[in-house]
Structure formats: C-alpha cells, structure tokens
Protein backbone atom coordinates (compact mmCIF):
# COMPACT_ATOMS: atom_id res chain seq x y z
CA UNK A 1 -0.28 -0.16 -0.25
CA UNK A 2 1.29 3.29 -1.04
CA UNK A 3 2.07 6.23 1.34
CA UNK A 4 -0.72 8.95 0.08
CA UNK A 5 1.45 11.62 1.71
CA UNK A 6 5.01 12.46 -0.45
CA UNK A 7 8.55 14.12 0.46
CA UNK A 8 8.94 16.80 -0.01
CA UNK A 9 11.16 19.92 0.20
CA UNK A 10 11.32 23.29 0.49
CA UNK A 11 14.92 25.49 -0.09
CA UNK A 12 14.26 29.01 0.50
CA UNK A 13 17.66 30.27 -0.96
CA UNK A 14 16.63 34.08 -0.38
CA UNK A 15 14.00 36.11 0.92
CA UNK A 16 14.17 39.57 2.87
CA UNK A 17 14.23 39.32 6.34
CA UNK A 18 10.21 41.10 6.75
CA UNK A 19 8.91 38.48 4.65
CA UNK A 20 9.84 35.78 7.05
CA UNK A 21 7.13 35.82 9.62
CA UNK A 22 4.60 35.90 6.45
CA UNK A 23 6.31 32.85 4.59
CA UNK A 24 6.20 30.82 7.56
CA UNK A 25 2.63 31.91 8.10
CA UNK A 26 1.80 30.42 4.30
CA UNK A 27 3.21 27.77 4.90
CA UNK A 28 1.88 26.86 8.45
CA UNK A 29 -1.47 27.00 6.51
CA UNK A 30 -0.63 25.36 3.64
CA UNK A 31 0.53 22.06 5.58
CA UNK A 32 -1.85 22.39 8.23
CA UNK A 33 0.56 21.99 11.18
CA UNK A 34 2.65 24.36 12.91
CA UNK A 35 6.61 24.27 10.91
CA UNK A 36 10.03 24.83 12.97
CA UNK A 37 11.93 26.89 10.63
CA UNK A 38 15.54 27.82 11.42
CA UNK A 39 17.09 31.13 9.62
CA UNK A 40 20.05 32.30 8.51
CA UNK A 41 21.72 34.89 6.63
CA UNK A 42 22.04 34.45 3.10
CA UNK A 43 25.71 36.42 2.33
CA UNK A 44 24.91 36.55 -0.98
CA UNK A 45 22.49 38.77 -0.74
CA UNK A 46 22.54 40.89 2.26
CA UNK A 47 19.25 41.66 3.74
CA UNK A 48 18.34 37.81 3.19
CA UNK A 49 17.46 35.30 4.70
CA UNK A 50 17.15 31.24 3.85
CA UNK A 51 16.06 28.68 4.96
CA UNK A 52 15.10 24.47 4.22
CA UNK A 53 11.82 22.37 5.57
CA UNK A 54 11.16 18.82 4.56
CA UNK A 55 7.33 18.38 4.70
CA UNK A 56 4.89 15.41 3.84
CA UNK A 57 2.17 16.28 2.52
CA UNK A 58 -0.31 15.00 -0.46
CA UNK A 59 0.03 14.89 -4.04
CA UNK A 60 0.06 18.51 -5.07
CA UNK A 61 1.25 20.23 -2.16
CA UNK A 62 4.61 21.57 -3.77
CA UNK A 63 2.94 23.36 -7.18
CA UNK A 64 -0.11 24.87 -3.88
CA UNK A 65 3.75 26.15 -1.60
CA UNK A 66 5.49 27.65 -5.17
CA UNK A 67 2.62 29.30 -6.38
CA UNK A 68 2.19 31.18 -2.99
CA UNK A 69 5.42 31.78 -2.64
CA UNK A 70 6.13 32.82 -6.20
CA UNK A 71 3.55 35.72 -5.64
CA UNK A 72 6.70 37.60 -2.98
CA UNK A 73 8.72 38.13 -6.23
CA UNK A 74 11.98 38.80 -4.08
CA UNK A 75 12.45 35.10 -3.30
CA UNK A 76 15.19 32.79 -4.81
CA UNK A 77 13.40 29.16 -3.85
CA UNK A 78 13.39 25.75 -4.88
CA UNK A 79 10.16 23.27 -4.14
CA UNK A 80 10.20 19.68 -5.31
CA UNK A 81 7.63 16.91 -4.90
CA UNK A 82 8.58 12.94 -5.16
CA UNK A 83 6.71 9.93 -4.74
CA UNK A 84 7.75 6.04 -5.97
CA UNK A 85 6.69 7.19 -9.77
CA UNK A 86 7.82 10.65 -10.08
CA UNK A 87 6.94 13.77 -8.83
CA UNK A 88 8.30 17.47 -9.88
CA UNK A 89 10.18 20.22 -9.22
CA UNK A 90 9.66 24.38 -9.48
CA UNK A 91 11.75 26.75 -9.15
CA UNK A 92 11.46 30.91 -8.87
CA UNK A 93 14.23 34.20 -9.01
CA UNK A 94 13.05 37.45 -8.70
CA UNK A 95 14.93 37.86 -12.61
CA UNK A 96 13.49 34.60 -14.12
CA UNK A 97 9.58 33.92 -12.58
CA UNK A 98 9.25 29.84 -12.13
CA UNK A 99 10.28 27.25 -13.90
CA UNK A 100 8.30 23.68 -13.60
CA UNK A 101 9.44 19.94 -14.00
CA UNK A 102 8.29 16.54 -13.71
CA UNK A 103 10.88 14.34 -12.31
CA UNK A 104 11.14 10.98 -11.89
CA UNK A 105 12.17 9.15 -9.19
CA UNK A 106 15.66 10.21 -7.85
CA UNK A 107 14.78 13.72 -9.37
CA UNK A 108 16.13 13.66 -12.62
CA UNK A 109 13.96 16.09 -15.46
CA UNK A 110 12.24 14.39 -17.39
CA UNK A 111 11.14 16.09 -20.59
CA UNK A 112 8.06 15.03 -22.14
CA UNK A 113 7.19 14.08 -26.14
CA UNK A 114 5.63 17.37 -26.87
CA UNK A 115 8.10 19.88 -25.51
CA UNK A 116 10.91 17.54 -27.53
CA UNK A 117 8.69 17.88 -30.99
CA UNK A 118 8.35 21.48 -30.40
CA UNK A 119 12.07 22.08 -30.13
CA UNK A 120 12.36 19.60 -33.19
CA UNK A 121 9.76 21.85 -35.42
CA UNK A 122 12.76 24.19 -36.15
CA UNK A 123 15.56 23.51 -38.54
CA UNK A 124 18.13 25.40 -36.55
CA UNK A 125 20.05 23.84 -33.65
CA UNK A 126 20.52 26.89 -31.67
CA UNK A 127 17.03 26.63 -31.20
CA UNK A 128 16.26 23.03 -30.43
CA UNK A 129 19.12 23.82 -27.68
CA UNK A 130 17.55 26.95 -27.04
CA UNK A 131 14.01 25.23 -26.16
CA UNK A 132 15.72 22.15 -24.41
CA UNK A 133 17.75 24.25 -22.14
CA UNK A 134 14.26 26.01 -21.80
CA UNK A 135 12.33 22.25 -20.58
CA UNK A 136 15.50 21.64 -18.30
CA UNK A 137 15.39 25.14 -16.58
CA UNK A 138 18.66 25.99 -17.28
CA UNK A 139 18.87 29.41 -16.66
CA UNK A 140 16.90 28.52 -12.83
CA UNK A 141 20.21 26.17 -12.20
CA UNK A 142 22.48 28.36 -13.47
CA UNK A 143 21.15 31.42 -11.30
CA UNK A 144 20.50 29.54 -7.91
CA UNK A 145 23.62 27.22 -8.00
CA UNK A 146 25.59 29.79 -6.21
CA UNK A 147 22.75 30.28 -3.69
CA UNK A 148 23.32 26.30 -3.28
CA UNK A 149 26.59 26.26 -3.18
CA UNK A 150 26.47 28.89 0.09
CA UNK A 151 25.09 25.76 2.67
CA UNK A 152 28.24 23.73 1.03
CA UNK A 153 31.00 25.89 2.03
CA UNK A 154 29.21 26.44 5.51
CA UNK A 155 29.67 22.62 5.59
CA UNK A 156 32.94 22.72 4.64
CA UNK A 157 33.99 25.23 7.59
CA UNK A 158 32.66 23.01 9.73
CA UNK A 159 34.84 20.26 8.85
CA UNK A 160 37.78 22.41 8.27
CA UNK A 161 37.90 23.60 12.66
C-alpha cells in the first residue's frame, strides 16, 4: 500500500528578512501544522535570509507552496515533491520567474514528447538547444547554483575546524 503523503522539500535560498513571518504563516497554512523554520543569513544577498523545510503532504502540495511563494517577487526558492512514481520540481528567481518540471523517482528532470516535438519543429540547432535548455530549466539552475553552494561552503568550514 502506498503512502498518500509524499516527501517534499522547500529550499528558500533568499527572502527579504521582513517576509520571514509571512512565509512561515503561509507554509503553516498550506501544510496544516506549525513548522519550525531555522532562518540563516544569506551572504550572497545582504538583507535576506534562507531556510530549508522537509515535509510530507498529499500530492500537489509542492505546486500550492510554489504558487504561494512566487507571489512574493523577491524570493529565490526551490520546491520539490517526490514519490515512487516520480514527482515535480519548481524553481523561482525574481529575474526569471517560475519554472516547473516533472521528475522521475530520483529527481531527474523528464522532458515529455510534446516539448521535444516543439523543439524539433525548428531546423535551427541553436533554437532546438534553447528549447531543450528551457525545458530542463538550465537558466534557473545557473541562477540558483551559487545559492545552493552557500550551505556546502558552511559544511566545509565546519569540517575544517
């Protein structure tokens, strides 16, 4: 028997400090229980904070969380949901907006045949590459990668002590 609640992860890479309480209220409301978020300063964007939250919730909760978070235009975040059969990931930056992709059971992005067909309607290699990179969310990955690295740098500093 499969658990109806899926594993999920919210990573807020940067949010203005003033929005911290509003974000917590929104997550508590969507998840139905109080969440204990540990906020840390985001050194790459002064005046902002970051946090991570693991959750278990019904399918579709990641989409609801991403929709709520994207309404605050100054956030950089990733929200994912994973089940035995796959899931989805949402990534957002103030400059790029939101990107959604389907994933397999280990989090690899899947590109459906309709997106590939659309990309292949062009005979221009650069245009085909651009469409596939858009489907994969390459711009979002590039924009968020430095923010992902902040946590890794902190772990390395702790190990060096």
